[in-house]
Amino acid sequence: MKKIWAAPLIALFLLLSATTLLPETRWAQIWEKARSTWNYHALPLYFAAYTPPVRAAATTEKIVALTFDDGPDPRYTLSILRILDEYHVPATFFVIGQSVREYPELTRLIFERGHALANHTFTHPGVETLTLPEYNQQLSRTNQLLQQISGLQAVYYRPPRGIVTAEGMEAARQQGLQTVLWTVCLENRNCPTPADMVRRAVARTGPGAIILVHDGRLDRRKSVEALPMLLQTLQQKGYSFVTLDYLLQQQPENM
């Protein structure tokens, strides 16, 4: 047993010794140089220097955050905004840059209604094959548009289809974005009716949950129909809808 532990302990001792012998700024330069030359796609995800994606907040308080992906889309987003107004619910809209460019006034309306805007890439690509420069471009182009519309720097990012890659996490880190996933999604292929969607989502919702709904790209009529039922049911169960900012002030639950 002593022999098994000897080599790792010696390696750790040498590493700690090296860090103490080098000035802090020099060690940071060496680390940044090494990290910038990594082939991120070939590395296990845990090697990237990032804050892990958030799926929920660890709290016993009956608070949840509502989020939307894939908009803005005038077919659905306007109806959703009216529903949110009726139930006095704040939300965070993870928007696609191309749609923001196509519908700037609708994007501005989301912000003016008191909701938050967040980054969902520029083209909603298949992120599995994106290089780090390509990923950075997806995020930076969308960030620029959101800042033009709201005057604020985007804070949150959600990868398309929730696919987390090392390139995406590093690009988000470089862009100053926190990656946020979700606890439960309203849409589900096994739920053919809005009532089925709501029953499933409510059963999977607990304190600190992040709820995902979609407002663009595909046919979202069932989602719009289900949304009032979802909000009313959760409110009747004693849940309060809070901003994503407020929710994540609680201790986050990572992947």
C-alpha atoms as a PDB file:
ATOM      1  CA  MET A   1       0.000   0.000   0.000  1.00  0.00           C
ATOM      2  CA  LYS A   2       2.832   2.401   0.813  1.00  0.00           C
ATOM      3  CA  LYS A   3       4.405   1.798  -2.598  1.00  0.00           C
ATOM      4  CA  ILE A   4       1.100   2.447  -4.361  1.00  0.00           C
ATOM      5  CA  TRP A   5       0.759   5.879  -2.764  1.00  0.00           C
ATOM      6  CA  ALA A   6       4.421   6.866  -2.975  1.00  0.00           C
ATOM      7  CA  ALA A   7       4.524   7.920  -6.648  1.00  0.00           C
ATOM      8  CA  PRO A   8       1.405  10.171  -6.551  1.00  0.00           C
ATOM      9  CA  LEU A   9       2.597  11.826  -3.356  1.00  0.00           C
ATOM     10  CA  ILE A  10       6.039  12.513  -4.818  1.00  0.00           C
ATOM     11  CA  ALA A  11       4.464  13.962  -7.984  1.00  0.00           C
ATOM     12  CA  LEU A  12       2.198  16.195  -5.923  1.00  0.00           C
ATOM     13  CA  PHE A  13       5.164  17.372  -3.835  1.00  0.00           C
ATOM     14  CA  LEU A  14       7.155  18.261  -6.966  1.00  0.00           C
ATOM     15  CA  LEU A  15       4.202  20.127  -8.481  1.00  0.00           C
ATOM     16  CA  LEU A  16       3.641  22.161  -5.334  1.00  0.00           C
ATOM     17  CA  SER A  17       7.342  22.887  -5.125  1.00  0.00           C
ATOM     18  CA  ALA A  18       7.405  24.159  -8.709  1.00  0.00           C
ATOM     19  CA  THR A  19       4.475  26.496  -8.097  1.00  0.00           C
ATOM     20  CA  THR A  20       6.134  27.990  -5.021  1.00  0.00           C
ATOM     21  CA  LEU A  21       9.477  28.522  -6.775  1.00  0.00           C
ATOM     22  CA  LEU A  22       7.916  30.422  -9.705  1.00  0.00           C
ATOM     23  CA  PRO A  23       6.416  33.895  -9.313  1.00  0.00           C
ATOM     24  CA  GLU A  24       2.614  33.802  -9.356  1.00  0.00           C
ATOM     25  CA  THR A  25       2.394  35.842 -12.569  1.00  0.00           C
ATOM     26  CA  ARG A  26       4.876  33.588 -14.351  1.00  0.00           C
ATOM     27  CA  TRP A  27       3.015  30.444 -13.299  1.00  0.00           C
ATOM     28  CA  ALA A  28      -0.238  31.977 -14.569  1.00  0.00           C
ATOM     29  CA  GLN A  29       1.423  32.715 -17.934  1.00  0.00           C
ATOM     30  CA  ILE A  30       2.664  29.135 -18.233  1.00  0.00           C
ATOM     31  CA  TRP A  31      -0.755  27.750 -17.338  1.00  0.00           C
ATOM     32  CA  GLU A  32      -2.552  30.014 -19.827  1.00  0.00           C
ATOM     33  CA  LYS A  33      -0.097  29.084 -22.587  1.00  0.00           C
ATOM     34  CA  ALA A  34      -0.567  25.370 -21.946  1.00  0.00           C
ATOM     35  CA  ARG A  35      -4.356  25.697 -21.763  1.00  0.00           C
ATOM     36  CA  SER A  36      -4.558  27.721 -24.975  1.00  0.00           C
ATOM     37  CA  THR A  37      -2.735  25.017 -26.941  1.00  0.00           C
ATOM     38  CA  TRP A  38      -4.999  22.154 -25.825  1.00  0.00           C
ATOM     39  CA  ASN A  39      -7.094  20.274 -28.335  1.00  0.00           C
ATOM     40  CA  TYR A  40     -10.277  20.788 -26.337  1.00  0.00           C
ATOM     41  CA  HIS A  41     -12.440  18.430 -28.363  1.00  0.00           C
ATOM     42  CA  ALA A  42     -10.022  15.578 -27.646  1.00  0.00           C
ATOM     43  CA  LEU A  43      -9.846  16.234 -23.916  1.00  0.00           C
ATOM     44  CA  PRO A  44     -12.258  14.964 -21.272  1.00  0.00           C
ATOM     45  CA  LEU A  45     -14.617  17.755 -20.297  1.00  0.00           C
ATOM     46  CA  TYR A  46     -13.299  18.010 -16.738  1.00  0.00           C
ATOM     47  CA  PHE A  47      -9.902  19.205 -17.984  1.00  0.00           C
ATOM     48  CA  ALA A  48     -11.315  22.541 -19.156  1.00  0.00           C
ATOM     49  CA  ALA A  49     -11.104  25.385 -16.648  1.00  0.00           C
ATOM     50  CA  TYR A  50     -14.704  26.445 -16.151  1.00  0.00           C
ATOM     51  CA  THR A  51     -17.604  26.657 -13.756  1.00  0.00           C
ATOM     52  CA  PRO A  52     -19.747  23.543 -14.334  1.00  0.00           C
ATOM     53  CA  PRO A  53     -23.152  23.991 -15.981  1.00  0.00           C
ATOM     54  CA  VAL A  54     -26.026  24.708 -13.609  1.00  0.00           C
ATOM     55  CA  ARG A  55     -29.152  22.544 -13.649  1.00  0.00           C
ATOM     56  CA  ALA A  56     -30.894  23.821 -10.513  1.00  0.00           C
ATOM     57  CA  ALA A  57     -30.369  25.738  -7.292  1.00  0.00           C
ATOM     58  CA  ALA A  58     -30.010  23.957  -3.971  1.00  0.00           C
ATOM     59  CA  THR A  59     -32.758  25.461  -1.843  1.00  0.00           C
ATOM     60  CA  THR A  60     -35.672  24.271   0.238  1.00  0.00           C
ATOM     61  CA  GLU A  61     -37.657  27.392  -0.650  1.00  0.00           C
ATOM     62  CA  LYS A  62     -40.420  26.742  -3.179  1.00  0.00           C
ATOM     63  CA  ILE A  63     -38.983  28.966  -5.888  1.00  0.00           C
ATOM     64  CA  VAL A  64     -38.401  28.116  -9.542  1.00  0.00           C
ATOM     65  CA  ALA A  65     -37.112  29.935 -12.637  1.00  0.00           C
ATOM     66  CA  LEU A  66     -38.830  29.822 -16.021  1.00  0.00           C
ATOM     67  CA  THR A  67     -36.689  29.892 -19.165  1.00  0.00           C
ATOM     68  CA  PHE A  68     -37.400  29.841 -22.894  1.00  0.00           C
ATOM     69  CA  ASP A  69     -35.227  28.631 -25.773  1.00  0.00           C
ATOM     70  CA  ASP A  70     -35.127  29.090 -29.558  1.00  0.00           C
ATOM     71  CA  GLY A  71     -36.882  32.443 -29.976  1.00  0.00           C
ATOM     72  CA  PRO A  72     -37.758  35.077 -30.590  1.00  0.00           C
ATOM     73  CA  ASP A  73     -40.476  33.849 -32.910  1.00  0.00           C
ATOM     74  CA  PRO A  74     -43.527  36.055 -33.589  1.00  0.00           C
ATOM     75  CA  ARG A  75     -45.716  32.952 -33.995  1.00  0.00           C
ATOM     76  CA  TYR A  76     -45.337  32.128 -30.292  1.00  0.00           C
ATOM     77  CA  THR A  77     -43.321  34.697 -28.346  1.00  0.00           C
ATOM     78  CA  LEU A  78     -46.026  37.369 -28.354  1.00  0.00           C
ATOM     79  CA  SER A  79     -48.611  34.961 -26.942  1.00  0.00           C
ATOM     80  CA  ILE A  80     -46.123  33.809 -24.317  1.00  0.00           C
ATOM     81  CA  LEU A  81     -45.427  37.388 -23.251  1.00  0.00           C
ATOM     82  CA  ARG A  82     -49.156  37.977 -22.766  1.00  0.00           C
ATOM     83  CA  ILE A  83     -49.427  34.833 -20.623  1.00  0.00           C
ATOM     84  CA  LEU A  84     -46.442  35.845 -18.496  1.00  0.00           C
ATOM     85  CA  ASP A  85     -47.999  39.275 -17.961  1.00  0.00           C
ATOM     86  CA  GLU A  86     -51.283  37.684 -16.891  1.00  0.00           C
ATOM     87  CA  TYR A  87     -49.616  35.453 -14.292  1.00  0.00           C
ATOM     88  CA  HIS A  88     -47.002  38.040 -13.258  1.00  0.00           C
ATOM     89  CA  VAL A  89     -44.141  35.640 -14.004  1.00  0.00           C
ATOM     90  CA  PRO A  90     -40.602  36.763 -14.917  1.00  0.00           C
ATOM     91  CA  ALA A  91     -38.611  34.664 -17.365  1.00  0.00           C
ATOM     92  CA  THR A  92     -35.262  34.399 -19.083  1.00  0.00           C
ATOM     93  CA  PHE A  93     -35.273  34.048 -22.868  1.00  0.00           C
ATOM     94  CA  PHE A  94     -32.274  32.220 -24.343  1.00  0.00           C
ATOM     95  CA  VAL A  95     -32.433  33.661 -27.841  1.00  0.00           C
ATOM     96  CA  ILE A  96     -30.852  32.735 -31.161  1.00  0.00           C
ATOM     97  CA  GLY A  97     -28.777  35.530 -32.671  1.00  0.00           C
ATOM     98  CA  GLN A  98     -30.166  35.108 -36.181  1.00  0.00           C
ATOM     99  CA  SER A  99     -33.709  35.451 -34.846  1.00  0.00           C
ATOM    100  CA  VAL A 100     -32.713  38.505 -32.829  1.00  0.00           C
ATOM    101  CA  ARG A 101     -31.344  40.080 -35.998  1.00  0.00           C
ATOM    102  CA  GLU A 102     -34.556  39.216 -37.873  1.00  0.00           C
ATOM    103  CA  TYR A 103     -36.909  40.355 -35.105  1.00  0.00           C
ATOM    104  CA  PRO A 104     -35.132  43.120 -33.154  1.00  0.00           C
ATOM    105  CA  GLU A 105     -38.360  44.819 -32.072  1.00  0.00           C
ATOM    106  CA  LEU A 106     -39.759  41.593 -30.655  1.00  0.00           C
ATOM    107  CA  THR A 107     -36.499  41.012 -28.813  1.00  0.00           C
ATOM    108  CA  ARG A 108     -36.659  44.552 -27.438  1.00  0.00           C
ATOM    109  CA  LEU A 109     -40.254  43.926 -26.323  1.00  0.00           C
ATOM    110  CA  ILE A 110     -39.124  40.892 -24.299  1.00  0.00           C
ATOM    111  CA  PHE A 111     -36.620  43.095 -22.496  1.00  0.00           C
ATOM    112  CA  GLU A 112     -39.057  45.975 -22.024  1.00  0.00           C
ATOM    113  CA  ARG A 113     -41.583  43.614 -20.433  1.00  0.00           C
ATOM    114  CA  GLY A 114     -39.035  42.981 -17.695  1.00  0.00           C
ATOM    115  CA  HIS A 115     -37.629  39.663 -18.833  1.00  0.00           C
ATOM    116  CA  ALA A 116     -33.957  38.764 -19.205  1.00  0.00           C
ATOM    117  CA  LEU A 117     -32.171  38.030 -22.479  1.00  0.00           C
ATOM    118  CA  ALA A 118     -29.552  35.297 -22.652  1.00  0.00           C
ATOM    119  CA  ASN A 119     -27.362  33.641 -25.295  1.00  0.00           C
ATOM    120  CA  HIS A 120     -28.411  30.517 -27.232  1.00  0.00           C
ATOM    121  CA  THR A 121     -25.772  30.803 -30.024  1.00  0.00           C
ATOM    122  CA  PHE A 122     -26.154  32.666 -33.291  1.00  0.00           C
ATOM    123  CA  THR A 123     -27.375  29.902 -35.631  1.00  0.00           C
ATOM    124  CA  HIS A 124     -28.353  27.050 -33.268  1.00  0.00           C
ATOM    125  CA  PRO A 125     -25.725  24.780 -34.866  1.00  0.00           C
ATOM    126  CA  GLY A 126     -24.723  21.226 -34.135  1.00  0.00           C
ATOM    127  CA  VAL A 127     -22.213  22.206 -31.477  1.00  0.00           C
ATOM    128  CA  GLU A 128     -20.472  18.826 -31.298  1.00  0.00           C
ATOM    129  CA  THR A 129     -18.196  19.699 -34.221  1.00  0.00           C
ATOM    130  CA  LEU A 130     -17.529  23.386 -33.477  1.00  0.00           C
ATOM    131  CA  THR A 131     -13.925  24.429 -32.923  1.00  0.00           C
ATOM    132  CA  LEU A 132     -13.138  26.900 -30.156  1.00  0.00           C
ATOM    133  CA  PRO A 133     -12.863  29.885 -32.586  1.00  0.00           C
ATOM    134  CA  GLU A 134     -16.171  28.889 -34.222  1.00  0.00           C
ATOM    135  CA  TYR A 135     -17.849  28.598 -30.852  1.00  0.00           C
ATOM    136  CA  ASN A 136     -16.498  31.980 -29.785  1.00  0.00           C
ATOM    137  CA  GLN A 137     -17.953  33.542 -32.925  1.00  0.00           C
ATOM    138  CA  GLN A 138     -21.370  32.001 -32.240  1.00  0.00           C
ATOM    139  CA  LEU A 139     -21.446  33.513 -28.769  1.00  0.00           C
ATOM    140  CA  SER A 140     -19.813  36.862 -29.481  1.00  0.00           C
ATOM    141  CA  ARG A 141     -22.112  37.720 -32.420  1.00  0.00           C
ATOM    142  CA  THR A 142     -25.171  37.056 -30.280  1.00  0.00           C
ATOM    143  CA  ASN A 143     -23.724  38.958 -27.315  1.00  0.00           C
ATOM    144  CA  GLN A 144     -23.156  42.004 -29.509  1.00  0.00           C
ATOM    145  CA  LEU A 145     -26.770  42.009 -30.698  1.00  0.00           C
ATOM    146  CA  LEU A 146     -28.140  41.609 -27.180  1.00  0.00           C
ATOM    147  CA  GLN A 147     -26.016  44.471 -25.909  1.00  0.00           C
ATOM    148  CA  GLN A 148     -27.227  46.706 -28.755  1.00  0.00           C
ATOM    149  CA  ILE A 149     -30.845  45.976 -27.868  1.00  0.00           C
ATOM    150  CA  SER A 150     -30.736  45.969 -24.064  1.00  0.00           C
ATOM    151  CA  GLY A 151     -27.607  47.962 -23.275  1.00  0.00           C
ATOM    152  CA  LEU A 152     -26.581  45.107 -20.987  1.00  0.00           C
ATOM    153  CA  GLN A 153     -23.937  42.427 -21.280  1.00  0.00           C
ATOM    154  CA  ALA A 154     -25.388  38.927 -21.491  1.00  0.00           C
ATOM    155  CA  VAL A 155     -24.652  36.809 -18.424  1.00  0.00           C
ATOM    156  CA  TYR A 156     -26.046  33.361 -19.230  1.00  0.00           C
ATOM    157  CA  TYR A 157     -25.608  30.857 -22.037  1.00  0.00           C
ATOM    158  CA  ARG A 158     -27.408  27.631 -22.890  1.00  0.00           C
ATOM    159  CA  PRO A 159     -26.013  25.255 -25.517  1.00  0.00           C
ATOM    160  CA  PRO A 160     -28.402  24.015 -28.210  1.00  0.00           C
ATOM    161  CA  ARG A 161     -30.058  20.737 -27.173  1.00  0.00           C
ATOM    162  CA  GLY A 162     -28.127  20.972 -23.915  1.00  0.00           C
ATOM    163  CA  ILE A 163     -25.024  19.452 -25.489  1.00  0.00           C
ATOM    164  CA  VAL A 164     -22.020  20.412 -23.379  1.00  0.00           C
ATOM    165  CA  THR A 165     -18.577  20.310 -24.969  1.00  0.00           C
ATOM    166  CA  ALA A 166     -15.200  21.446 -23.709  1.00  0.00           C
ATOM    167  CA  GLU A 167     -15.027  23.980 -26.559  1.00  0.00           C
ATOM    168  CA  GLY A 168     -18.393  25.400 -25.580  1.00  0.00           C
ATOM    169  CA  MET A 169     -17.503  25.672 -21.924  1.00  0.00           C
ATOM    170  CA  GLU A 170     -14.205  27.374 -22.710  1.00  0.00           C
ATOM    171  CA  ALA A 171     -15.854  29.760 -25.180  1.00  0.00           C
ATOM    172  CA  ALA A 172     -18.473  30.655 -22.570  1.00  0.00           C
ATOM    173  CA  ARG A 173     -15.712  31.263 -20.017  1.00  0.00           C
ATOM    174  CA  GLN A 174     -13.869  33.544 -22.431  1.00  0.00           C
ATOM    175  CA  GLN A 175     -17.097  35.446 -23.164  1.00  0.00           C
ATOM    176  CA  GLY A 176     -17.906  35.844 -19.466  1.00  0.00           C
ATOM    177  CA  LEU A 177     -21.012  33.644 -19.660  1.00  0.00           C
ATOM    178  CA  GLN A 178     -22.328  31.147 -17.125  1.00  0.00           C
ATOM    179  CA  THR A 179     -23.668  27.965 -18.731  1.00  0.00           C
ATOM    180  CA  VAL A 180     -27.193  27.124 -17.576  1.00  0.00           C
ATOM    181  CA  LEU A 181     -29.040  23.920 -18.434  1.00  0.00           C
ATOM    182  CA  TRP A 182     -32.397  22.912 -16.937  1.00  0.00           C
ATOM    183  CA  THR A 183     -34.102  20.656 -14.436  1.00  0.00           C
ATOM    184  CA  VAL A 184     -37.185  19.780 -16.461  1.00  0.00           C
ATOM    185  CA  CYS A 185     -38.385  20.510 -19.998  1.00  0.00           C
ATOM    186  CA  LEU A 186     -42.074  21.084 -20.664  1.00  0.00           C
ATOM    187  CA  GLU A 187     -41.916  19.480 -24.103  1.00  0.00           C
ATOM    188  CA  ASN A 188     -41.529  15.710 -24.241  1.00  0.00           C
ATOM    189  CA  ARG A 189     -42.094  13.223 -27.057  1.00  0.00           C
ATOM    190  CA  ASN A 190     -44.039  10.936 -24.720  1.00  0.00           C
ATOM    191  CA  CYS A 191     -46.552  13.667 -23.864  1.00  0.00           C
ATOM    192  CA  PRO A 192     -49.018  14.031 -26.765  1.00  0.00           C
ATOM    193  CA  THR A 193     -51.285  16.657 -25.136  1.00  0.00           C
ATOM    194  CA  PRO A 194     -50.680  19.902 -23.248  1.00  0.00           C
ATOM    195  CA  ALA A 195     -52.240  18.343 -20.147  1.00  0.00           C
ATOM    196  CA  ASP A 196     -49.792  15.439 -20.346  1.00  0.00           C
ATOM    197  CA  MET A 197     -46.903  17.889 -20.719  1.00  0.00           C
ATOM    198  CA  VAL A 198     -47.967  19.790 -17.620  1.00  0.00           C
ATOM    199  CA  ARG A 199     -48.486  16.672 -15.475  1.00  0.00           C
ATOM    200  CA  ARG A 200     -45.027  15.394 -16.339  1.00  0.00           C
ATOM    201  CA  ALA A 201     -43.306  18.768 -15.776  1.00  0.00           C
ATOM    202  CA  VAL A 202     -45.041  19.415 -12.443  1.00  0.00           C
ATOM    203  CA  ALA A 203     -44.118  15.943 -11.190  1.00  0.00           C
ATOM    204  CA  ARG A 204     -40.455  16.675 -11.911  1.00  0.00           C
ATOM    205  CA  THR A 205     -40.403  20.186 -10.450  1.00  0.00           C
ATOM    206  CA  GLY A 206     -39.032  20.831  -6.991  1.00  0.00           C
ATOM    207  CA  PRO A 207     -37.591  23.771  -5.052  1.00  0.00           C
ATOM    208  CA  GLY A 208     -34.828  25.455  -7.064  1.00  0.00           C
ATOM    209  CA  ALA A 209     -35.869  23.974 -10.400  1.00  0.00           C
ATOM    210  CA  ILE A 210     -35.070  25.581 -13.747  1.00  0.00           C
ATOM    211  CA  ILE A 211     -37.939  24.956 -16.152  1.00  0.00           C
ATOM    212  CA  LEU A 212     -37.367  24.941 -19.909  1.00  0.00           C
ATOM    213  CA  VAL A 213     -40.027  25.814 -22.480  1.00  0.00           C
ATOM    214  CA  HIS A 214     -39.492  26.504 -26.187  1.00  0.00           C
ATOM    215  CA  ASP A 215     -40.884  29.475 -28.103  1.00  0.00           C
ATOM    216  CA  GLY A 216     -39.389  29.035 -31.571  1.00  0.00           C
ATOM    217  CA  ARG A 217     -38.070  27.011 -34.499  1.00  0.00           C
ATOM    218  CA  LEU A 218     -40.570  24.102 -34.398  1.00  0.00           C
ATOM    219  CA  ASP A 219     -44.340  23.927 -33.913  1.00  0.00           C
ATOM    220  CA  ARG A 220     -44.807  25.231 -30.364  1.00  0.00           C
ATOM    221  CA  ARG A 221     -48.597  25.553 -30.272  1.00  0.00           C
ATOM    222  CA  LYS A 222     -48.911  22.851 -27.595  1.00  0.00           C
ATOM    223  CA  SER A 223     -46.308  24.623 -25.474  1.00  0.00           C
ATOM    224  CA  VAL A 224     -48.243  27.889 -25.630  1.00  0.00           C
ATOM    225  CA  GLU A 225     -51.443  26.055 -24.720  1.00  0.00           C
ATOM    226  CA  ALA A 226     -49.749  24.236 -21.846  1.00  0.00           C
ATOM    227  CA  LEU A 227     -48.025  27.277 -20.364  1.00  0.00           C
ATOM    228  CA  PRO A 228     -51.009  28.798 -18.481  1.00  0.00           C
ATOM    229  CA  MET A 229     -51.815  25.374 -16.979  1.00  0.00           C
ATOM    230  CA  LEU A 230     -48.190  24.965 -15.887  1.00  0.00           C
ATOM    231  CA  LEU A 231     -48.004  28.378 -14.241  1.00  0.00           C
ATOM    232  CA  GLN A 232     -51.371  28.044 -12.532  1.00  0.00           C
ATOM    233  CA  THR A 233     -50.685  24.524 -11.237  1.00  0.00           C
ATOM    234  CA  LEU A 234     -47.295  25.400  -9.777  1.00  0.00           C
ATOM    235  CA  GLN A 235     -48.610  28.591  -8.195  1.00  0.00           C
ATOM    236  CA  GLN A 236     -51.464  26.606  -6.628  1.00  0.00           C
ATOM    237  CA  LYS A 237     -48.868  24.229  -5.188  1.00  0.00           C
ATOM    238  CA  GLY A 238     -47.183  27.161  -3.471  1.00  0.00           C
ATOM    239  CA  TYR A 239     -44.347  27.809  -5.922  1.00  0.00           C
ATOM    240  CA  SER A 240     -43.153  31.310  -6.747  1.00  0.00           C
ATOM    241  CA  PHE A 241     -41.496  32.151 -10.038  1.00  0.00           C
ATOM    242  CA  VAL A 242     -38.320  34.178  -9.612  1.00  0.00           C
ATOM    243  CA  THR A 243     -35.691  35.515 -11.964  1.00  0.00           C
ATOM    244  CA  LEU A 244     -32.814  33.263 -12.930  1.00  0.00           C
ATOM    245  CA  ASP A 245     -30.498  35.810 -11.283  1.00  0.00           C
ATOM    246  CA  TYR A 246     -32.304  35.448  -7.968  1.00  0.00           C
ATOM    247  CA  LEU A 247     -32.505  31.663  -8.190  1.00  0.00           C
ATOM    248  CA  LEU A 248     -28.796  31.292  -8.848  1.00  0.00           C
ATOM    249  CA  GLN A 249     -27.950  33.408  -5.837  1.00  0.00           C
ATOM    250  CA  GLN A 250     -28.887  30.228  -3.997  1.00  0.00           C
ATOM    251  CA  GLN A 251     -26.273  27.469  -3.954  1.00  0.00           C
ATOM    252  CA  PRO A 252     -26.236  26.073  -7.526  1.00  0.00           C
ATOM    253  CA  GLU A 253     -26.502  22.379  -8.238  1.00  0.00           C
ATOM    254  CA  ASN A 254     -24.037  21.529 -10.971  1.00  0.00           C
ATOM    255  CA  MET A 255     -23.853  18.619 -13.339  1.00  0.00           C
END
